[in-house]
Amino acid sequence: MQIGKVIGNVWATKKEESLNGMKLLIVAPIDVRDNSEGHPFIVGDLVGAGIGETVIWVQGSMARHASKDINVTIDAVIVGIVDGVELG
């Protein structure tokens, strides 16, 4: 699992059938101190996240397992919205 910040939405009227009904968001990877850690990318949203929220995302086979459809054409999905981070 990784952490990121939702920075935008993506609308696609024509897409792979397995993606129908899935909201697509743009996520920028961050570290636990909210510093940028790479290039933004598109993810499927499984939890109802919105722009500005910090999220937990997974990719690869874990993304397909999280979506409950092993045949979905997806490489990354949001699986949680972060309420807070505590560093000790």
PDB file of N, CA and C in Angstrom:
ATOM      1  N   MET A   1       0.845  -1.178   0.000  1.00  0.00           N
ATOM      2  CA  MET A   1       0.000   0.000   0.000  1.00  0.00           C
ATOM      3  C   MET A   1       0.885   1.233   0.000  1.00  0.00           C
ATOM      4  N   GLN A   2       0.354   2.267  -0.638  1.00  0.00           N
ATOM      5  CA  GLN A   2       1.077   3.524  -0.736  1.00  0.00           C
ATOM      6  C   GLN A   2       0.129   4.664  -0.421  1.00  0.00           C
ATOM      7  N   ILE A   3       0.707   5.851  -0.244  1.00  0.00           N
ATOM      8  CA  ILE A   3      -0.090   7.007   0.121  1.00  0.00           C
ATOM      9  C   ILE A   3       0.016   8.062  -0.982  1.00  0.00           C
ATOM     10  N   GLY A   4      -1.074   8.794  -1.192  1.00  0.00           N
ATOM     11  CA  GLY A   4      -1.076   9.819  -2.229  1.00  0.00           C
ATOM     12  C   GLY A   4      -2.132  10.867  -1.960  1.00  0.00           C
ATOM     13  N   LYS A   5      -2.126  11.905  -2.780  1.00  0.00           N
ATOM     14  CA  LYS A   5      -3.084  13.004  -2.670  1.00  0.00           C
ATOM     15  C   LYS A   5      -3.873  13.071  -3.975  1.00  0.00           C
ATOM     16  N   VAL A   6      -5.208  13.101  -3.860  1.00  0.00           N
ATOM     17  CA  VAL A   6      -6.061  13.220  -5.040  1.00  0.00           C
ATOM     18  C   VAL A   6      -5.974  14.653  -5.550  1.00  0.00           C
ATOM     19  N   ILE A   7      -5.589  14.802  -6.836  1.00  0.00           N
ATOM     20  CA  ILE A   7      -5.421  16.142  -7.395  1.00  0.00           C
ATOM     21  C   ILE A   7      -6.349  16.426  -8.572  1.00  0.00           C
ATOM     22  N   GLY A   8      -7.139  15.441  -8.998  1.00  0.00           N
ATOM     23  CA  GLY A   8      -8.031  15.698 -10.118  1.00  0.00           C
ATOM     24  C   GLY A   8      -8.922  14.521 -10.464  1.00  0.00           C
ATOM     25  N   ASN A   9      -9.839  14.762 -11.400  1.00  0.00           N
ATOM     26  CA  ASN A   9     -10.763  13.752 -11.911  1.00  0.00           C
ATOM     27  C   ASN A   9     -10.447  13.459 -13.367  1.00  0.00           C
ATOM     28  N   VAL A  10     -10.848  12.292 -13.828  1.00  0.00           N
ATOM     29  CA  VAL A  10     -10.745  11.931 -15.241  1.00  0.00           C
ATOM     30  C   VAL A  10     -12.109  11.423 -15.677  1.00  0.00           C
ATOM     31  N   TRP A  11     -12.617  11.951 -16.797  1.00  0.00           N
ATOM     32  CA  TRP A  11     -13.869  11.455 -17.370  1.00  0.00           C
ATOM     33  C   TRP A  11     -13.539  10.809 -18.694  1.00  0.00           C
ATOM     34  N   ALA A  12     -14.074   9.626 -18.911  1.00  0.00           N
ATOM     35  CA  ALA A  12     -13.878   8.912 -20.174  1.00  0.00           C
ATOM     36  C   ALA A  12     -15.222   8.315 -20.583  1.00  0.00           C
ATOM     37  N   THR A  13     -15.830   8.869 -21.611  1.00  0.00           N
ATOM     38  CA  THR A  13     -17.136   8.365 -22.032  1.00  0.00           C
ATOM     39  C   THR A  13     -17.010   7.011 -22.722  1.00  0.00           C
ATOM     40  N   LYS A  14     -15.879   6.759 -23.337  1.00  0.00           N
ATOM     41  CA  LYS A  14     -15.626   5.452 -23.948  1.00  0.00           C
ATOM     42  C   LYS A  14     -14.427   4.839 -23.237  1.00  0.00           C
ATOM     43  N   LYS A  15     -14.639   3.650 -22.682  1.00  0.00           N
ATOM     44  CA  LYS A  15     -13.564   2.967 -21.959  1.00  0.00           C
ATOM     45  C   LYS A  15     -13.850   1.475 -21.941  1.00  0.00           C
ATOM     46  N   GLU A  16     -12.881   0.706 -21.517  1.00  0.00           N
ATOM     47  CA  GLU A  16     -13.028  -0.738 -21.372  1.00  0.00           C
ATOM     48  C   GLU A  16     -14.273  -1.025 -20.545  1.00  0.00           C
ATOM     49  N   GLU A  17     -15.063  -1.969 -20.989  1.00  0.00           N
ATOM     50  CA  GLU A  17     -16.345  -2.286 -20.350  1.00  0.00           C
ATOM     51  C   GLU A  17     -16.211  -2.584 -18.861  1.00  0.00           C
ATOM     52  N   SER A  18     -15.120  -3.234 -18.447  1.00  0.00           N
ATOM     53  CA  SER A  18     -14.955  -3.582 -17.028  1.00  0.00           C
ATOM     54  C   SER A  18     -14.773  -2.351 -16.140  1.00  0.00           C
ATOM     55  N   LEU A  19     -14.492  -1.185 -16.746  1.00  0.00           N
ATOM     56  CA  LEU A  19     -14.320   0.046 -15.978  1.00  0.00           C
ATOM     57  C   LEU A  19     -15.610   0.847 -15.853  1.00  0.00           C
ATOM     58  N   ASN A  20     -16.671   0.425 -16.508  1.00  0.00           N
ATOM     59  CA  ASN A  20     -17.941   1.141 -16.423  1.00  0.00           C
ATOM     60  C   ASN A  20     -18.398   1.230 -14.966  1.00  0.00           C
ATOM     61  N   GLY A  21     -18.780   2.427 -14.551  1.00  0.00           N
ATOM     62  CA  GLY A  21     -19.246   2.649 -13.185  1.00  0.00           C
ATOM     63  C   GLY A  21     -18.144   2.962 -12.192  1.00  0.00           C
ATOM     64  N   MET A  22     -16.868   2.856 -12.592  1.00  0.00           N
ATOM     65  CA  MET A  22     -15.765   3.146 -11.676  1.00  0.00           C
ATOM     66  C   MET A  22     -15.305   4.584 -11.877  1.00  0.00           C
ATOM     67  N   LYS A  23     -15.261   5.359 -10.787  1.00  0.00           N
ATOM     68  CA  LYS A  23     -14.765   6.733 -10.845  1.00  0.00           C
ATOM     69  C   LYS A  23     -13.248   6.674 -11.012  1.00  0.00           C
ATOM     70  N   LEU A  24     -12.715   7.534 -11.882  1.00  0.00           N
ATOM     71  CA  LEU A  24     -11.274   7.601 -12.114  1.00  0.00           C
ATOM     72  C   LEU A  24     -10.741   8.923 -11.592  1.00  0.00           C
ATOM     73  N   LEU A  25      -9.673   8.864 -10.812  1.00  0.00           N
ATOM     74  CA  LEU A  25      -9.077  10.049 -10.200  1.00  0.00           C
ATOM     75  C   LEU A  25      -7.596  10.135 -10.536  1.00  0.00           C
ATOM     76  N   ILE A  26      -7.046  11.342 -10.448  1.00  0.00           N
ATOM     77  CA  ILE A  26      -5.608  11.542 -10.605  1.00  0.00           C
ATOM     78  C   ILE A  26      -5.011  11.659  -9.207  1.00  0.00           C
ATOM     79  N   VAL A  27      -4.013  10.822  -8.932  1.00  0.00           N
ATOM     80  CA  VAL A  27      -3.364  10.795  -7.617  1.00  0.00           C
ATOM     81  C   VAL A  27      -1.880  11.112  -7.774  1.00  0.00           C
ATOM     82  N   ALA A  28      -1.383  11.981  -6.903  1.00  0.00           N
ATOM     83  CA  ALA A  28       0.041  12.293  -6.831  1.00  0.00           C
ATOM     84  C   ALA A  28       0.626  11.551  -5.631  1.00  0.00           C
ATOM     85  N   PRO A  29       1.594  10.667  -5.854  1.00  0.00           N
ATOM     86  CA  PRO A  29       2.218   9.969  -4.725  1.00  0.00           C
ATOM     87  C   PRO A  29       2.893  10.957  -3.769  1.00  0.00           C
ATOM     88  N   ILE A  30       2.765  10.698  -2.465  1.00  0.00           N
ATOM     89  CA  ILE A  30       3.420  11.533  -1.445  1.00  0.00           C
ATOM     90  C   ILE A  30       4.063  10.619  -0.399  1.00  0.00           C
ATOM     91  N   ASP A  31       4.943  11.205   0.416  1.00  0.00           N
ATOM     92  CA  ASP A  31       5.466  10.458   1.552  1.00  0.00           C
ATOM     93  C   ASP A  31       4.615  10.793   2.780  1.00  0.00           C
ATOM     94  N   VAL A  32       4.924  10.201   3.923  1.00  0.00           N
ATOM     95  CA  VAL A  32       4.095  10.397   5.116  1.00  0.00           C
ATOM     96  C   VAL A  32       4.154  11.820   5.667  1.00  0.00           C
ATOM     97  N   ARG A  33       5.095  12.622   5.169  1.00  0.00           N
ATOM     98  CA  ARG A  33       5.195  14.022   5.578  1.00  0.00           C
ATOM     99  C   ARG A  33       4.557  14.952   4.536  1.00  0.00           C
ATOM    100  N   ASP A  34       3.805  14.383   3.595  1.00  0.00           N
ATOM    101  CA  ASP A  34       3.057  15.128   2.580  1.00  0.00           C
ATOM    102  C   ASP A  34       3.945  15.743   1.504  1.00  0.00           C
ATOM    103  N   ASN A  35       5.164  15.199   1.315  1.00  0.00           N
ATOM    104  CA  ASN A  35       6.062  15.669   0.261  1.00  0.00           C
ATOM    105  C   ASN A  35       5.839  14.849  -0.999  1.00  0.00           C
ATOM    106  N   SER A  36       5.904  15.495  -2.157  1.00  0.00           N
ATOM    107  CA  SER A  36       5.714  14.821  -3.441  1.00  0.00           C
ATOM    108  C   SER A  36       6.755  13.716  -3.624  1.00  0.00           C
ATOM    109  N   GLU A  37       6.314  12.583  -4.181  1.00  0.00           N
ATOM    110  CA  GLU A  37       7.213  11.444  -4.386  1.00  0.00           C
ATOM    111  C   GLU A  37       7.053  10.808  -5.759  1.00  0.00           C
ATOM    112  N   GLY A  38       6.841  11.588  -6.774  1.00  0.00           N
ATOM    113  CA  GLY A  38       6.730  11.013  -8.102  1.00  0.00           C
ATOM    114  C   GLY A  38       5.681  11.695  -8.945  1.00  0.00           C
ATOM    115  N   HIS A  39       5.461  11.119 -10.112  1.00  0.00           N
ATOM    116  CA  HIS A  39       4.531  11.686 -11.081  1.00  0.00           C
ATOM    117  C   HIS A  39       3.099  11.232 -10.818  1.00  0.00           C
ATOM    118  N   PRO A  40       2.132  12.117 -11.018  1.00  0.00           N
ATOM    119  CA  PRO A  40       0.718  11.747 -10.862  1.00  0.00           C
ATOM    120  C   PRO A  40       0.307  10.667 -11.859  1.00  0.00           C
ATOM    121  N   PHE A  41      -0.720   9.924 -11.525  1.00  0.00           N
ATOM    122  CA  PHE A  41      -1.227   8.855 -12.377  1.00  0.00           C
ATOM    123  C   PHE A  41      -2.713   8.672 -12.121  1.00  0.00           C
ATOM    124  N   ILE A  42      -3.359   7.875 -12.973  1.00  0.00           N
ATOM    125  CA  ILE A  42      -4.799   7.650 -12.881  1.00  0.00           C
ATOM    126  C   ILE A  42      -5.071   6.372 -12.097  1.00  0.00           C
ATOM    127  N   VAL A  43      -6.016   6.437 -11.163  1.00  0.00           N
ATOM    128  CA  VAL A  43      -6.411   5.271 -10.358  1.00  0.00           C
ATOM    129  C   VAL A  43      -7.925   5.153 -10.343  1.00  0.00           C
ATOM    130  N   GLY A  44      -8.418   3.954 -10.120  1.00  0.00           N
ATOM    131  CA  GLY A  44      -9.841   3.741  -9.897  1.00  0.00           C
ATOM    132  C   GLY A  44     -10.146   4.026  -8.436  1.00  0.00           C
ATOM    133  N   ASP A  45     -11.323   4.549  -8.178  1.00  0.00           N
ATOM    134  CA  ASP A  45     -11.712   4.888  -6.803  1.00  0.00           C
ATOM    135  C   ASP A  45     -12.769   3.907  -6.303  1.00  0.00           C
ATOM    136  N   LEU A  46     -12.452   3.181  -5.245  1.00  0.00           N
ATOM    137  CA  LEU A  46     -13.390   2.212  -4.670  1.00  0.00           C
ATOM    138  C   LEU A  46     -14.066   2.716  -3.405  1.00  0.00           C
ATOM    139  N   VAL A  47     -13.660   3.902  -2.901  1.00  0.00           N
ATOM    140  CA  VAL A  47     -14.147   4.344  -1.589  1.00  0.00           C
ATOM    141  C   VAL A  47     -14.812   5.711  -1.577  1.00  0.00           C
ATOM    142  N   GLY A  48     -14.923   6.381  -2.704  1.00  0.00           N
ATOM    143  CA  GLY A  48     -15.576   7.678  -2.735  1.00  0.00           C
ATOM    144  C   GLY A  48     -14.682   8.847  -2.357  1.00  0.00           C
ATOM    145  N   ALA A  49     -13.420   8.795  -2.723  1.00  0.00           N
ATOM    146  CA  ALA A  49     -12.486   9.878  -2.406  1.00  0.00           C
ATOM    147  C   ALA A  49     -12.760  11.095  -3.279  1.00  0.00           C
ATOM    148  N   GLY A  50     -12.256  12.246  -2.841  1.00  0.00           N
ATOM    149  CA  GLY A  50     -12.429  13.483  -3.580  1.00  0.00           C
ATOM    150  C   GLY A  50     -11.138  14.268  -3.670  1.00  0.00           C
ATOM    151  N   ILE A  51     -11.158  15.295  -4.496  1.00  0.00           N
ATOM    152  CA  ILE A  51      -9.978  16.134  -4.699  1.00  0.00           C
ATOM    153  C   ILE A  51      -9.529  16.731  -3.365  1.00  0.00           C
ATOM    154  N   GLY A  52      -8.222  16.679  -3.130  1.00  0.00           N
ATOM    155  CA  GLY A  52      -7.624  17.225  -1.912  1.00  0.00           C
ATOM    156  C   GLY A  52      -7.444  16.205  -0.806  1.00  0.00           C
ATOM    157  N   GLU A  53      -8.080  15.038  -0.923  1.00  0.00           N
ATOM    158  CA  GLU A  53      -7.970  14.039   0.141  1.00  0.00           C
ATOM    159  C   GLU A  53      -6.692  13.216   0.002  1.00  0.00           C
ATOM    160  N   THR A  54      -6.154  12.820   1.142  1.00  0.00           N
ATOM    161  CA  THR A  54      -5.024  11.906   1.187  1.00  0.00           C
ATOM    162  C   THR A  54      -5.590  10.492   1.205  1.00  0.00           C
ATOM    163  N   VAL A  55      -5.045   9.638   0.349  1.00  0.00           N
ATOM    164  CA  VAL A  55      -5.614   8.307   0.166  1.00  0.00           C
ATOM    165  C   VAL A  55      -4.545   7.221   0.241  1.00  0.00           C
ATOM    166  N   ILE A  56      -5.016   6.002   0.475  1.00  0.00           N
ATOM    167  CA  ILE A  56      -4.177   4.806   0.403  1.00  0.00           C
ATOM    168  C   ILE A  56      -4.536   4.115  -0.901  1.00  0.00           C
ATOM    169  N   TRP A  57      -3.527   3.736  -1.678  1.00  0.00           N
ATOM    170  CA  TRP A  57      -3.785   3.069  -2.944  1.00  0.00           C
ATOM    171  C   TRP A  57      -2.888   1.845  -3.098  1.00  0.00           C
ATOM    172  N   VAL A  58      -3.373   0.909  -3.883  1.00  0.00           N
ATOM    173  CA  VAL A  58      -2.608  -0.299  -4.192  1.00  0.00           C
ATOM    174  C   VAL A  58      -2.543  -0.445  -5.699  1.00  0.00           C
ATOM    175  N   GLN A  59      -1.584  -1.240  -6.169  1.00  0.00           N
ATOM    176  CA  GLN A  59      -1.480  -1.426  -7.605  1.00  0.00           C
ATOM    177  C   GLN A  59      -1.197  -2.882  -7.964  1.00  0.00           C
ATOM    178  N   GLY A  60      -1.264  -3.165  -9.241  1.00  0.00           N
ATOM    179  CA  GLY A  60      -1.003  -4.518  -9.728  1.00  0.00           C
ATOM    180  C   GLY A  60      -2.116  -5.480  -9.365  1.00  0.00           C
ATOM    181  N   SER A  61      -1.735  -6.705  -9.055  1.00  0.00           N
ATOM    182  CA  SER A  61      -2.744  -7.725  -8.764  1.00  0.00           C
ATOM    183  C   SER A  61      -3.583  -7.371  -7.543  1.00  0.00           C
ATOM    184  N   MET A  62      -3.017  -6.636  -6.584  1.00  0.00           N
ATOM    185  CA  MET A  62      -3.792  -6.219  -5.411  1.00  0.00           C
ATOM    186  C   MET A  62      -4.934  -5.285  -5.814  1.00  0.00           C
ATOM    187  N   ALA A  63      -4.736  -4.473  -6.848  1.00  0.00           N
ATOM    188  CA  ALA A  63      -5.800  -3.579  -7.329  1.00  0.00           C
ATOM    189  C   ALA A  63      -6.956  -4.394  -7.888  1.00  0.00           C
ATOM    190  N   ARG A  64      -6.652  -5.430  -8.632  1.00  0.00           N
ATOM    191  CA  ARG A  64      -7.717  -6.276  -9.184  1.00  0.00           C
ATOM    192  C   ARG A  64      -8.436  -7.030  -8.080  1.00  0.00           C
ATOM    193  N   HIS A  65      -7.714  -7.523  -7.092  1.00  0.00           N
ATOM    194  CA  HIS A  65      -8.352  -8.218  -5.966  1.00  0.00           C
ATOM    195  C   HIS A  65      -9.253  -7.273  -5.178  1.00  0.00           C
ATOM    196  N   ALA A  66      -8.785  -6.044  -4.955  1.00  0.00           N
ATOM    197  CA  ALA A  66      -9.575  -5.066  -4.194  1.00  0.00           C
ATOM    198  C   ALA A  66     -10.863  -4.706  -4.921  1.00  0.00           C
ATOM    199  N   SER A  67     -10.837  -4.726  -6.242  1.00  0.00           N
ATOM    200  CA  SER A  67     -12.021  -4.353  -7.016  1.00  0.00           C
ATOM    201  C   SER A  67     -13.060  -5.465  -7.047  1.00  0.00           C
ATOM    202  N   LYS A  68     -12.757  -6.616  -6.506  1.00  0.00           N
ATOM    203  CA  LYS A  68     -13.661  -7.773  -6.445  1.00  0.00           C
ATOM    204  C   LYS A  68     -13.884  -8.421  -7.815  1.00  0.00           C
ATOM    205  N   ASP A  69     -13.172  -7.957  -8.842  1.00  0.00           N
ATOM    206  CA  ASP A  69     -13.281  -8.538 -10.181  1.00  0.00           C
ATOM    207  C   ASP A  69     -11.874  -8.755 -10.710  1.00  0.00           C
ATOM    208  N   ILE A  70     -11.392  -9.967 -10.642  1.00  0.00           N
ATOM    209  CA  ILE A  70     -10.019 -10.287 -11.045  1.00  0.00           C
ATOM    210  C   ILE A  70      -9.779  -9.981 -12.514  1.00  0.00           C
ATOM    211  N   ASN A  71     -10.854  -9.840 -13.303  1.00  0.00           N
ATOM    212  CA  ASN A  71     -10.710  -9.580 -14.737  1.00  0.00           C
ATOM    213  C   ASN A  71     -10.804  -8.097 -15.105  1.00  0.00           C
ATOM    214  N   VAL A  72     -10.960  -7.218 -14.121  1.00  0.00           N
ATOM    215  CA  VAL A  72     -11.063  -5.789 -14.411  1.00  0.00           C
ATOM    216  C   VAL A  72      -9.729  -5.290 -14.979  1.00  0.00           C
ATOM    217  N   THR A  73      -9.826  -4.364 -15.929  1.00  0.00           N
ATOM    218  CA  THR A  73      -8.640  -3.787 -16.557  1.00  0.00           C
ATOM    219  C   THR A  73      -8.209  -2.563 -15.764  1.00  0.00           C
ATOM    220  N   ILE A  74      -7.494  -2.797 -14.665  1.00  0.00           N
ATOM    221  CA  ILE A  74      -7.077  -1.702 -13.782  1.00  0.00           C
ATOM    222  C   ILE A  74      -5.721  -2.037 -13.177  1.00  0.00           C
ATOM    223  N   ASP A  75      -4.875  -1.037 -13.016  1.00  0.00           N
ATOM    224  CA  ASP A  75      -3.548  -1.261 -12.443  1.00  0.00           C
ATOM    225  C   ASP A  75      -3.401  -0.656 -11.058  1.00  0.00           C
ATOM    226  N   ALA A  76      -4.273   0.304 -10.704  1.00  0.00           N
ATOM    227  CA  ALA A  76      -4.171   0.943  -9.387  1.00  0.00           C
ATOM    228  C   ALA A  76      -5.554   1.385  -8.926  1.00  0.00           C
ATOM    229  N   VAL A  77      -5.841   1.201  -7.628  1.00  0.00           N
ATOM    230  CA  VAL A  77      -7.119   1.629  -7.058  1.00  0.00           C
ATOM    231  C   VAL A  77      -6.911   2.219  -5.666  1.00  0.00           C
ATOM    232  N   ILE A  78      -7.801   3.149  -5.321  1.00  0.00           N
ATOM    233  CA  ILE A  78      -7.820   3.726  -3.981  1.00  0.00           C
ATOM    234  C   ILE A  78      -8.611   2.775  -3.083  1.00  0.00           C
ATOM    235  N   VAL A  79      -8.021   2.399  -1.947  1.00  0.00           N
ATOM    236  CA  VAL A  79      -8.674   1.480  -1.025  1.00  0.00           C
ATOM    237  C   VAL A  79      -8.961   2.108   0.337  1.00  0.00           C
ATOM    238  N   GLY A  80      -8.553   3.357   0.553  1.00  0.00           N
ATOM    239  CA  GLY A  80      -8.822   4.003   1.835  1.00  0.00           C
ATOM    240  C   GLY A  80      -8.579   5.501   1.780  1.00  0.00           C
ATOM    241  N   ILE A  81      -9.285   6.224   2.650  1.00  0.00           N
ATOM    242  CA  ILE A  81      -9.082   7.668   2.812  1.00  0.00           C
ATOM    243  C   ILE A  81      -8.420   7.878   4.170  1.00  0.00           C
ATOM    244  N   VAL A  82      -7.301   8.578   4.175  1.00  0.00           N
ATOM    245  CA  VAL A  82      -6.500   8.769   5.386  1.00  0.00           C
ATOM    246  C   VAL A  82      -7.122   9.861   6.260  1.00  0.00           C
ATOM    247  N   ASP A  83      -7.381   9.525   7.528  1.00  0.00           N
ATOM    248  CA  ASP A  83      -7.891  10.507   8.493  1.00  0.00           C
ATOM    249  C   ASP A  83      -6.741  11.254   9.157  1.00  0.00           C
ATOM    250  N   GLY A  84      -5.612  10.585   9.345  1.00  0.00           N
ATOM    251  CA  GLY A  84      -4.459  11.219   9.976  1.00  0.00           C
ATOM    252  C   GLY A  84      -3.264  10.293   9.939  1.00  0.00           C
ATOM    253  N   VAL A  85      -2.109  10.884  10.151  1.00  0.00           N
ATOM    254  CA  VAL A  85      -0.849  10.133  10.195  1.00  0.00           C
ATOM    255  C   VAL A  85      -0.127  10.550  11.459  1.00  0.00           C
ATOM    256  N   GLU A  86       0.311   9.574  12.244  1.00  0.00           N
ATOM    257  CA  GLU A  86       1.062   9.856  13.461  1.00  0.00           C
ATOM    258  C   GLU A  86       2.438   9.252  13.339  1.00  0.00           C
ATOM    259  N   LEU A  87       3.466  10.065  13.454  1.00  0.00           N
ATOM    260  CA  LEU A  87       4.839   9.584  13.391  1.00  0.00           C
ATOM    261  C   LEU A  87       5.437   9.636  14.777  1.00  0.00           C
ATOM    262  N   GLY A  88       6.132   8.598  15.154  1.00  0.00           N
ATOM    263  CA  GLY A  88       6.672   8.563  16.500  1.00  0.00           C
ATOM    264  C   GLY A  88       8.122   8.446  16.509  1.00  0.00           C
TER     265      GLY A  88
END
